[in-house]
Structures are given as C-alpha cells and as structure tokens.
PDB file of N, CA and C in Angstrom:
ATOM      1  N   MET A   1       0.820  -1.190   0.000  1.00  0.00           N
ATOM      2  CA  MET A   1       0.000   0.000   0.000  1.00  0.00           C
ATOM      3  C   MET A   1       0.871   1.264   0.000  1.00  0.00           C
ATOM      4  N   VAL A   2       1.989   1.224   0.712  1.00  0.00           N
ATOM      5  CA  VAL A   2       2.884   2.381   0.794  1.00  0.00           C
ATOM      6  C   VAL A   2       3.511   2.658  -0.572  1.00  0.00           C
ATOM      7  N   VAL A   3       3.837   1.609  -1.294  1.00  0.00           N
ATOM      8  CA  VAL A   3       4.446   1.760  -2.619  1.00  0.00           C
ATOM      9  C   VAL A   3       3.459   2.425  -3.566  1.00  0.00           C
ATOM     10  N   LEU A   4       2.215   2.014  -3.525  1.00  0.00           N
ATOM     11  CA  LEU A   4       1.176   2.595  -4.372  1.00  0.00           C
ATOM     12  C   LEU A   4       0.950   4.058  -4.037  1.00  0.00           C
ATOM     13  N   GLN A   5       0.957   4.375  -2.753  1.00  0.00           N
ATOM     14  CA  GLN A   5       0.776   5.756  -2.302  1.00  0.00           C
ATOM     15  C   GLN A   5       1.964   6.619  -2.761  1.00  0.00           C
ATOM     16  N   THR A   6       3.170   6.108  -2.704  1.00  0.00           N
ATOM     17  CA  THR A   6       4.364   6.832  -3.135  1.00  0.00           C
ATOM     18  C   THR A   6       4.320   7.098  -4.638  1.00  0.00           C
ATOM     19  N   ILE A   7       3.921   6.109  -5.400  1.00  0.00           N
ATOM     20  CA  ILE A   7       3.816   6.275  -6.861  1.00  0.00           C
ATOM     21  C   ILE A   7       2.761   7.327  -7.187  1.00  0.00           C
ATOM     22  N   LEU A   8       1.632   7.301  -6.488  1.00  0.00           N
ATOM     23  CA  LEU A   8       0.568   8.282  -6.711  1.00  0.00           C
ATOM     24  C   LEU A   8       1.051   9.699  -6.394  1.00  0.00           C
ATOM     25  N   VAL A   9       1.776   9.862  -5.306  1.00  0.00           N
ATOM     26  CA  VAL A   9       2.308  11.179  -4.929  1.00  0.00           C
ATOM     27  C   VAL A   9       3.307  11.666  -5.984  1.00  0.00           C
ATOM     28  N   LEU A  10       4.162  10.773  -6.452  1.00  0.00           N
ATOM     29  CA  LEU A  10       5.142  11.161  -7.476  1.00  0.00           C
ATOM     30  C   LEU A  10       4.457  11.581  -8.775  1.00  0.00           C
ATOM     31  N   ILE A  11       3.415  10.865  -9.166  1.00  0.00           N
ATOM     32  CA  ILE A  11       2.678  11.226 -10.379  1.00  0.00           C
ATOM     33  C   ILE A  11       1.998  12.582 -10.215  1.00  0.00           C
ATOM     34  N   LEU A  12       1.388  12.816  -9.051  1.00  0.00           N
ATOM     35  CA  LEU A  12       0.733  14.111  -8.797  1.00  0.00           C
ATOM     36  C   LEU A  12       1.747  15.260  -8.787  1.00  0.00           C
ATOM     37  N   VAL A  13       2.905  15.035  -8.187  1.00  0.00           N
ATOM     38  CA  VAL A  13       3.949  16.071  -8.168  1.00  0.00           C
ATOM     39  C   VAL A  13       4.441  16.348  -9.584  1.00  0.00           C
ATOM     40  N   TYR A  14       4.619  15.306 -10.383  1.00  0.00           N
ATOM     41  CA  TYR A  14       5.080  15.463 -11.756  1.00  0.00           C
ATOM     42  C   TYR A  14       4.101  16.311 -12.569  1.00  0.00           C
ATOM     43  N   TYR A  15       2.811  15.949 -12.512  1.00  0.00           N
ATOM     44  CA  TYR A  15       1.824  16.708 -13.276  1.00  0.00           C
ATOM     45  C   TYR A  15       1.613  18.112 -12.708  1.00  0.00           C
ATOM     46  N   GLY A  16       1.775  18.279 -11.408  1.00  0.00           N
ATOM     47  CA  GLY A  16       1.681  19.621 -10.809  1.00  0.00           C
ATOM     48  C   GLY A  16       2.798  20.532 -11.297  1.00  0.00           C
ATOM     49  N   ILE A  17       4.017  20.004 -11.332  1.00  0.00           N
ATOM     50  CA  ILE A  17       5.154  20.785 -11.833  1.00  0.00           C
ATOM     51  C   ILE A  17       4.979  21.085 -13.320  1.00  0.00           C
ATOM     52  N   LYS A  18       4.479  20.110 -14.062  1.00  0.00           N
ATOM     53  CA  LYS A  18       4.254  20.303 -15.493  1.00  0.00           C
ATOM     54  C   LYS A  18       3.211  21.407 -15.730  1.00  0.00           C
ATOM     55  N   LEU A  19       2.143  21.417 -14.939  1.00  0.00           N
ATOM     56  CA  LEU A  19       1.105  22.429 -15.065  1.00  0.00           C
ATOM     57  C   LEU A  19       1.635  23.812 -14.675  1.00  0.00           C
ATOM     58  N   LEU A  20       2.398  23.883 -13.593  1.00  0.00           N
ATOM     59  CA  LEU A  20       2.981  25.166 -13.182  1.00  0.00           C
ATOM     60  C   LEU A  20       3.964  25.686 -14.224  1.00  0.00           C
ATOM     61  N   ALA A  21       4.741  24.791 -14.807  1.00  0.00           N
ATOM     62  CA  ALA A  21       5.701  25.208 -15.834  1.00  0.00           C
ATOM     63  C   ALA A  21       4.974  25.748 -17.057  1.00  0.00           C
ATOM     64  N   LYS A  22       3.843  25.149 -17.385  1.00  0.00           N
ATOM     65  CA  LYS A  22       3.072  25.605 -18.537  1.00  0.00           C
ATOM     66  C   LYS A  22       2.538  27.021 -18.309  1.00  0.00           C
ATOM     67  N   TRP A  23       2.199  27.360 -17.068  1.00  0.00           N
ATOM     68  CA  TRP A  23       1.683  28.694 -16.758  1.00  0.00           C
ATOM     69  C   TRP A  23       2.805  29.709 -16.536  1.00  0.00           C
ATOM     70  N   LEU A  24       3.860  29.279 -15.872  1.00  0.00           N
ATOM     71  CA  LEU A  24       4.905  30.224 -15.478  1.00  0.00           C
ATOM     72  C   LEU A  24       5.989  30.442 -16.539  1.00  0.00           C
ATOM     73  N   ALA A  25       6.240  29.477 -17.387  1.00  0.00           N
ATOM     74  CA  ALA A  25       7.323  29.592 -18.368  1.00  0.00           C
ATOM     75  C   ALA A  25       7.140  30.786 -19.294  1.00  0.00           C
ATOM     76  N   PRO A  26       5.952  31.020 -19.877  1.00  0.00           N
ATOM     77  CA  PRO A  26       5.811  32.195 -20.742  1.00  0.00           C
ATOM     78  C   PRO A  26       6.030  33.516 -19.994  1.00  0.00           C
ATOM     79  N   LYS A  27       5.579  33.574 -18.750  1.00  0.00           N
ATOM     80  CA  LYS A  27       5.761  34.806 -17.972  1.00  0.00           C
ATOM     81  C   LYS A  27       7.234  35.036 -17.653  1.00  0.00           C
ATOM     82  N   LEU A  28       7.951  33.972 -17.296  1.00  0.00           N
ATOM     83  CA  LEU A  28       9.384  34.103 -17.027  1.00  0.00           C
ATOM     84  C   LEU A  28      10.148  34.472 -18.301  1.00  0.00           C
ATOM     85  N   PHE A  29       9.751  33.889 -19.421  1.00  0.00           N
ATOM     86  CA  PHE A  29      10.405  34.201 -20.698  1.00  0.00           C
ATOM     87  C   PHE A  29      10.179  35.661 -21.073  1.00  0.00           C
ATOM     88  N   ASN A  30       8.942  36.149 -20.928  1.00  0.00           N
ATOM     89  CA  ASN A  30       8.652  37.561 -21.232  1.00  0.00           C
ATOM     90  C   ASN A  30       9.425  38.497 -20.315  1.00  0.00           C
ATOM     91  N   TYR A  31       9.558  38.123 -19.054  1.00  0.00           N
ATOM     92  CA  TYR A  31      10.326  38.932 -18.110  1.00  0.00           C
ATOM     93  C   TYR A  31      11.795  39.003 -18.523  1.00  0.00           C
ATOM     94  N   ALA A  32      12.356  37.855 -18.910  1.00  0.00           N
ATOM     95  CA  ALA A  32      13.762  37.829 -19.329  1.00  0.00           C
ATOM     96  C   ALA A  32      13.969  38.654 -20.604  1.00  0.00           C
ATOM     97  N   VAL A  33      13.048  38.566 -21.544  1.00  0.00           N
ATOM     98  CA  VAL A  33      13.154  39.342 -22.786  1.00  0.00           C
ATOM     99  C   VAL A  33      13.063  40.832 -22.493  1.00  0.00           C
ATOM    100  N   LYS A  34      12.171  41.213 -21.608  1.00  0.00           N
ATOM    101  CA  LYS A  34      12.000  42.627 -21.270  1.00  0.00           C
ATOM    102  C   LYS A  34      13.264  43.189 -20.601  1.00  0.00           C
ATOM    103  N   LYS A  35      13.840  42.423 -19.696  1.00  0.00           N
ATOM    104  CA  LYS A  35      15.073  42.867 -19.029  1.00  0.00           C
ATOM    105  C   LYS A  35      16.223  42.991 -20.023  1.00  0.00           C
ATOM    106  N   THR A  36      16.318  42.044 -20.949  1.00  0.00           N
ATOM    107  CA  THR A  36      17.378  42.098 -21.956  1.00  0.00           C
ATOM    108  C   THR A  36      17.200  43.312 -22.851  1.00  0.00           C
ATOM    109  N   GLN A  37      15.979  43.622 -23.243  1.00  0.00           N
ATOM    110  CA  GLN A  37      15.713  44.807 -24.054  1.00  0.00           C
ATOM    111  C   GLN A  37      16.088  46.077 -23.302  1.00  0.00           C
ATOM    112  N   GLU A  38      15.810  46.133 -22.030  1.00  0.00           N
ATOM    113  CA  GLU A  38      16.161  47.304 -21.233  1.00  0.00           C
ATOM    114  C   GLU A  38      17.677  47.492 -21.186  1.00  0.00           C
ATOM    115  N   ARG A  39      18.413  46.391 -20.993  1.00  0.00           N
ATOM    116  CA  ARG A  39      19.876  46.486 -20.935  1.00  0.00           C
ATOM    117  C   ARG A  39      20.456  46.958 -22.264  1.00  0.00           C
ATOM    118  N   PHE A  40      19.974  46.368 -23.363  1.00  0.00           N
ATOM    119  CA  PHE A  40      20.461  46.793 -24.673  1.00  0.00           C
ATOM    120  C   PHE A  40      20.081  48.239 -24.948  1.00  0.00           C
ATOM    121  N   GLY A  41      18.893  48.644 -24.533  1.00  0.00           N
ATOM    122  CA  GLY A  41      18.459  50.029 -24.728  1.00  0.00           C
ATOM    123  C   GLY A  41      19.339  50.998 -23.956  1.00  0.00           C
ATOM    124  N   GLN A  42      19.718  50.633 -22.750  1.00  0.00           N
ATOM    125  CA  GLN A  42      20.595  51.498 -21.958  1.00  0.00           C
ATOM    126  C   GLN A  42      21.972  51.602 -22.599  1.00  0.00           C
ATOM    127  N   GLN A  43      22.503  50.491 -23.070  1.00  0.00           N
ATOM    128  CA  GLN A  43      23.822  50.518 -23.695  1.00  0.00           C
ATOM    129  C   GLN A  43      23.791  51.293 -24.995  1.00  0.00           C
ATOM    130  N   PHE A  44      22.738  51.132 -25.780  1.00  0.00           N
ATOM    131  CA  PHE A  44      22.623  51.852 -27.045  1.00  0.00           C
ATOM    132  C   PHE A  44      22.429  53.343 -26.788  1.00  0.00           C
ATOM    133  N   GLY A  45      21.687  53.678 -25.751  1.00  0.00           N
ATOM    134  CA  GLY A  45      21.434  55.081 -25.424  1.00  0.00           C
ATOM    135  C   GLY A  45      22.700  55.817 -25.029  1.00  0.00           C
ATOM    136  N   GLN A  46      23.668  55.102 -24.458  1.00  0.00           N
ATOM    137  CA  GLN A  46      24.913  55.742 -24.066  1.00  0.00           C
ATOM    138  C   GLN A  46      25.711  56.179 -25.279  1.00  0.00           C
ATOM    139  N   TYR A  47      25.653  55.403 -26.351  1.00  0.00           N
ATOM    140  CA  TYR A  47      26.471  55.678 -27.525  1.00  0.00           C
ATOM    141  C   TYR A  47      25.703  56.359 -28.648  1.00  0.00           C
ATOM    142  N   GLN A  48      24.420  56.542 -28.480  1.00  0.00           N
ATOM    143  CA  GLN A  48      23.610  57.106 -29.543  1.00  0.00           C
ATOM    144  C   GLN A  48      23.977  58.557 -29.816  1.00  0.00           C
ATOM    145  N   ASP A  49      24.184  59.338 -28.795  1.00  0.00           N
ATOM    146  CA  ASP A  49      24.481  60.754 -28.974  1.00  0.00           C
ATOM    147  C   ASP A  49      25.970  61.051 -28.925  1.00  0.00           C
ATOM    148  N   PHE A  50      26.793  60.033 -28.956  1.00  0.00           N
ATOM    149  CA  PHE A  50      28.235  60.227 -28.875  1.00  0.00           C
ATOM    150  C   PHE A  50      28.747  60.912 -30.132  1.00  0.00           C
ATOM    151  N   GLY A  51      29.451  62.025 -29.975  1.00  0.00           N
ATOM    152  CA  GLY A  51      30.077  62.706 -31.096  1.00  0.00           C
ATOM    153  C   GLY A  51      29.157  63.626 -31.866  1.00  0.00           C
ATOM    154  N   LYS A  52      27.919  63.745 -31.490  1.00  0.00           N
ATOM    155  CA  LYS A  52      27.005  64.630 -32.196  1.00  0.00           C
ATOM    156  C   LYS A  52      26.993  65.988 -31.521  1.00  0.00           C
ATOM    157  N   GLU A  53      27.005  66.997 -32.345  1.00  0.00           N
ATOM    158  CA  GLU A  53      26.863  68.347 -31.833  1.00  0.00           C
ATOM    159  C   GLU A  53      25.448  68.808 -32.140  1.00  0.00           C
ATOM    160  N   PRO A  54      24.842  69.565 -31.258  1.00  0.00           N
ATOM    161  CA  PRO A  54      23.480  69.999 -31.530  1.00  0.00           C
ATOM    162  C   PRO A  54      23.441  70.929 -32.743  1.00  0.00           C
ATOM    163  N   ASP A  55      22.516  70.676 -33.650  1.00  0.00           N
ATOM    164  CA  ASP A  55      22.357  71.495 -34.847  1.00  0.00           C
ATOM    165  C   ASP A  55      21.350  72.602 -34.569  1.00  0.00           C
ATOM    166  N   ASP A  56      21.575  73.728 -35.204  1.00  0.00           N
ATOM    167  CA  ASP A  56      20.618  74.817 -35.097  1.00  0.00           C
ATOM    168  C   ASP A  56      19.413  74.499 -35.964  1.00  0.00           C
ATOM    169  N   VAL A  57      18.266  74.985 -35.551  1.00  0.00           N
ATOM    170  CA  VAL A  57      17.045  74.719 -36.296  1.00  0.00           C
ATOM    171  C   VAL A  57      17.087  75.505 -37.599  1.00  0.00           C
ATOM    172  N   GLY A  58      16.819  74.840 -38.710  1.00  0.00           N
ATOM    173  CA  GLY A  58      16.791  75.500 -40.008  1.00  0.00           C
ATOM    174  C   GLY A  58      18.135  75.534 -40.699  1.00  0.00           C
ATOM    175  N   GLU A  59      19.172  75.099 -40.056  1.00  0.00           N
ATOM    176  CA  GLU A  59      20.503  75.118 -40.663  1.00  0.00           C
ATOM    177  C   GLU A  59      20.759  73.788 -41.358  1.00  0.00           C
ATOM    178  N   THR A  60      21.277  73.847 -42.566  1.00  0.00           N
ATOM    179  CA  THR A  60      21.570  72.649 -43.332  1.00  0.00           C
ATOM    180  C   THR A  60      23.058  72.353 -43.263  1.00  0.00           C
ATOM    181  N   THR A  61      23.387  71.126 -42.931  1.00  0.00           N
ATOM    182  CA  THR A  61      24.776  70.714 -42.834  1.00  0.00           C
ATOM    183  C   THR A  61      25.008  69.570 -43.812  1.00  0.00           C
ATOM    184  N   ILE A  62      26.055  69.673 -44.629  1.00  0.00           N
ATOM    185  CA  ILE A  62      26.382  68.641 -45.599  1.00  0.00           C
ATOM    186  C   ILE A  62      27.775  68.124 -45.277  1.00  0.00           C
ATOM    187  N   PHE A  63      27.875  66.830 -45.084  1.00  0.00           N
ATOM    188  CA  PHE A  63      29.163  66.211 -44.823  1.00  0.00           C
ATOM    189  C   PHE A  63      29.615  65.503 -46.086  1.00  0.00           C
ATOM    190  N   LYS A  64      30.834  65.794 -46.535  1.00  0.00           N
ATOM    191  CA  LYS A  64      31.388  65.164 -47.729  1.00  0.00           C
ATOM    192  C   LYS A  64      32.633  64.382 -47.340  1.00  0.00           C
ATOM    193  N   LYS A  65      32.887  63.328 -48.101  1.00  0.00           N
ATOM    194  CA  LYS A  65      34.108  62.577 -47.883  1.00  0.00           C
ATOM    195  C   LYS A  65      35.281  63.401 -48.391  1.00  0.00           C
ATOM    196  N   PRO A  66      36.398  63.379 -47.690  1.00  0.00           N
ATOM    197  CA  PRO A  66      37.556  64.120 -48.176  1.00  0.00           C
ATOM    198  C   PRO A  66      38.094  63.486 -49.459  1.00  0.00           C
ATOM    199  N   PHE A  67      38.554  64.324 -50.358  1.00  0.00           N
ATOM    200  CA  PHE A  67      39.086  63.859 -51.634  1.00  0.00           C
ATOM    201  C   PHE A  67      40.404  63.152 -51.378  1.00  0.00           C
ATOM    202  N   LYS A  68      40.496  61.929 -51.838  1.00  0.00           N
ATOM    203  CA  LYS A  68      41.696  61.143 -51.634  1.00  0.00           C
ATOM    204  C   LYS A  68      42.496  61.145 -52.929  1.00  0.00           C
ATOM    205  N   LYS A  69      43.687  61.662 -52.879  1.00  0.00           N
ATOM    206  CA  LYS A  69      44.539  61.757 -54.052  1.00  0.00           C
ATOM    207  C   LYS A  69      45.241  60.415 -54.263  1.00  0.00           C
ATOM    208  N   SER A  70      45.062  59.843 -55.466  1.00  0.00           N
ATOM    209  CA  SER A  70      45.709  58.567 -55.740  1.00  0.00           C
ATOM    210  C   SER A  70      47.143  58.815 -56.187  1.00  0.00           C
ATOM    211  N   ASN A  71      48.018  57.908 -55.836  1.00  0.00           N
ATOM    212  CA  ASN A  71      49.439  58.044 -56.148  1.00  0.00           C
ATOM    213  C   ASN A  71      49.793  57.019 -57.225  1.00  0.00           C
ATOM    214  N   PRO A  72      49.908  57.451 -58.515  1.00  0.00           N
ATOM    215  CA  PRO A  72      50.170  56.483 -59.576  1.00  0.00           C
ATOM    216  C   PRO A  72      51.585  55.907 -59.524  1.00  0.00           C
ATOM    217  N   SER A  73      52.519  56.565 -58.859  1.00  0.00           N
ATOM    218  CA  SER A  73      53.892  56.069 -58.807  1.00  0.00           C
ATOM    219  C   SER A  73      54.085  54.995 -57.730  1.00  0.00           C
ATOM    220  N   LYS A  74      53.044  54.720 -56.991  1.00  0.00           N
ATOM    221  CA  LYS A  74      53.152  53.736 -55.915  1.00  0.00           C
ATOM    222  C   LYS A  74      53.244  52.335 -56.530  1.00  0.00           C
ATOM    223  N   LYS A  75      54.233  51.552 -56.114  1.00  0.00           N
ATOM    224  CA  LYS A  75      54.416  50.200 -56.623  1.00  0.00           C
ATOM    225  C   LYS A  75      53.441  49.272 -55.925  1.00  0.00           C
ATOM    226  N   VAL A  76      52.734  48.508 -56.724  1.00  0.00           N
ATOM    227  CA  VAL A  76      51.764  47.582 -56.168  1.00  0.00           C
ATOM    228  C   VAL A  76      52.404  46.226 -55.927  1.00  0.00           C
ATOM    229  N   GLY A  77      53.215  45.766 -56.838  1.00  0.00           N
ATOM    230  CA  GLY A  77      53.837  44.470 -56.667  1.00  0.00           C
ATOM    231  C   GLY A  77      54.770  44.177 -57.828  1.00  0.00           C
ATOM    232  N   GLU A  78      55.277  42.983 -57.845  1.00  0.00           N
ATOM    233  CA  GLU A  78      56.226  42.579 -58.873  1.00  0.00           C
ATOM    234  C   GLU A  78      55.533  41.624 -59.837  1.00  0.00           C
ATOM    235  N   TYR A  79      55.752  41.815 -61.144  1.00  0.00           N
ATOM    236  CA  TYR A  79      55.136  40.963 -62.152  1.00  0.00           C
ATOM    237  C   TYR A  79      56.045  39.765 -62.402  1.00  0.00           C
ATOM    238  N   ILE A  80      55.458  38.559 -62.357  1.00  0.00           N
ATOM    239  CA  ILE A  80      56.212  37.340 -62.601  1.00  0.00           C
ATOM    240  C   ILE A  80      55.562  36.617 -63.781  1.00  0.00           C
ATOM    241  N   ASP A  81      56.363  36.295 -64.781  1.00  0.00           N
ATOM    242  CA  ASP A  81      55.865  35.600 -65.969  1.00  0.00           C
ATOM    243  C   ASP A  81      56.225  34.118 -65.844  1.00  0.00           C
ATOM    244  N   PHE A  82      55.190  33.268 -65.904  1.00  0.00           N
ATOM    245  CA  PHE A  82      55.381  31.836 -65.792  1.00  0.00           C
ATOM    246  C   PHE A  82      55.357  31.201 -67.175  1.00  0.00           C
ATOM    247  N   GLU A  83      56.223  30.230 -67.413  1.00  0.00           N
ATOM    248  CA  GLU A  83      56.234  29.496 -68.661  1.00  0.00           C
ATOM    249  C   GLU A  83      56.075  28.030 -68.369  1.00  0.00           C
ATOM    250  N   GLU A  84      55.368  27.330 -69.297  1.00  0.00           N
ATOM    251  CA  GLU A  84      55.186  25.904 -69.131  1.00  0.00           C
ATOM    252  C   GLU A  84      56.424  25.156 -69.573  1.00  0.00           C
ATOM    253  N   ILE A  85      56.783  24.124 -68.845  1.00  0.00           N
ATOM    254  CA  ILE A  85      57.929  23.289 -69.200  1.00  0.00           C
ATOM    255  C   ILE A  85      57.385  21.918 -69.595  1.00  0.00           C
ATOM    256  N   ASP A  86      57.767  21.449 -70.829  1.00  0.00           N
ATOM    257  CA  ASP A  86      57.286  20.152 -71.304  1.00  0.00           C
ATOM    258  C   ASP A  86      58.193  19.052 -70.873  1.00  0.00           C
TER     259      ASP A  86
END
C-alpha cells in the first residue's frame, strides 16, 4: 500500500510541476526578454548621442568625404611571368 501511495504522490507532483511550468514559463520568458531589451536600450542610449553636436534649427549641414589623391607612382607588386615546361 505504501508503494502505491508513493507512486501516486510522485505522479501528482510530476503533473503539478508540469502544469505550473506551462503557466509560469511564458511569464518568465517575457520577463527575461523585457530585461534584456532594457539592458540593450541602456547601452545603445549611451552611444547614440556620442560625437554629435546639436544642430541649429533650419541650418543645413552637408558632410562630404575628403578627396583622396591617388598616387600612380606607388608600386603595387612585382610581375612574374610563368612558362610551361614540357
């Protein structure tokens, strides 16, 4: 009788944990996702305004890449001519 009672208790505990996991797992997952989003948002917010200067209202600013002068006399490499040997 004790063995049967122990098996019944184990089965009830198993299904109880399974039912609780079914209810609590989505809530725990949403909590973890929300916390991760907050952390990433804080880290991104620190670097978002880095290096920006406040612009005046109505002022247009155009940023251009600096002109890079190419150097034609610069040696790129050595040319090697290969011949087939029969």
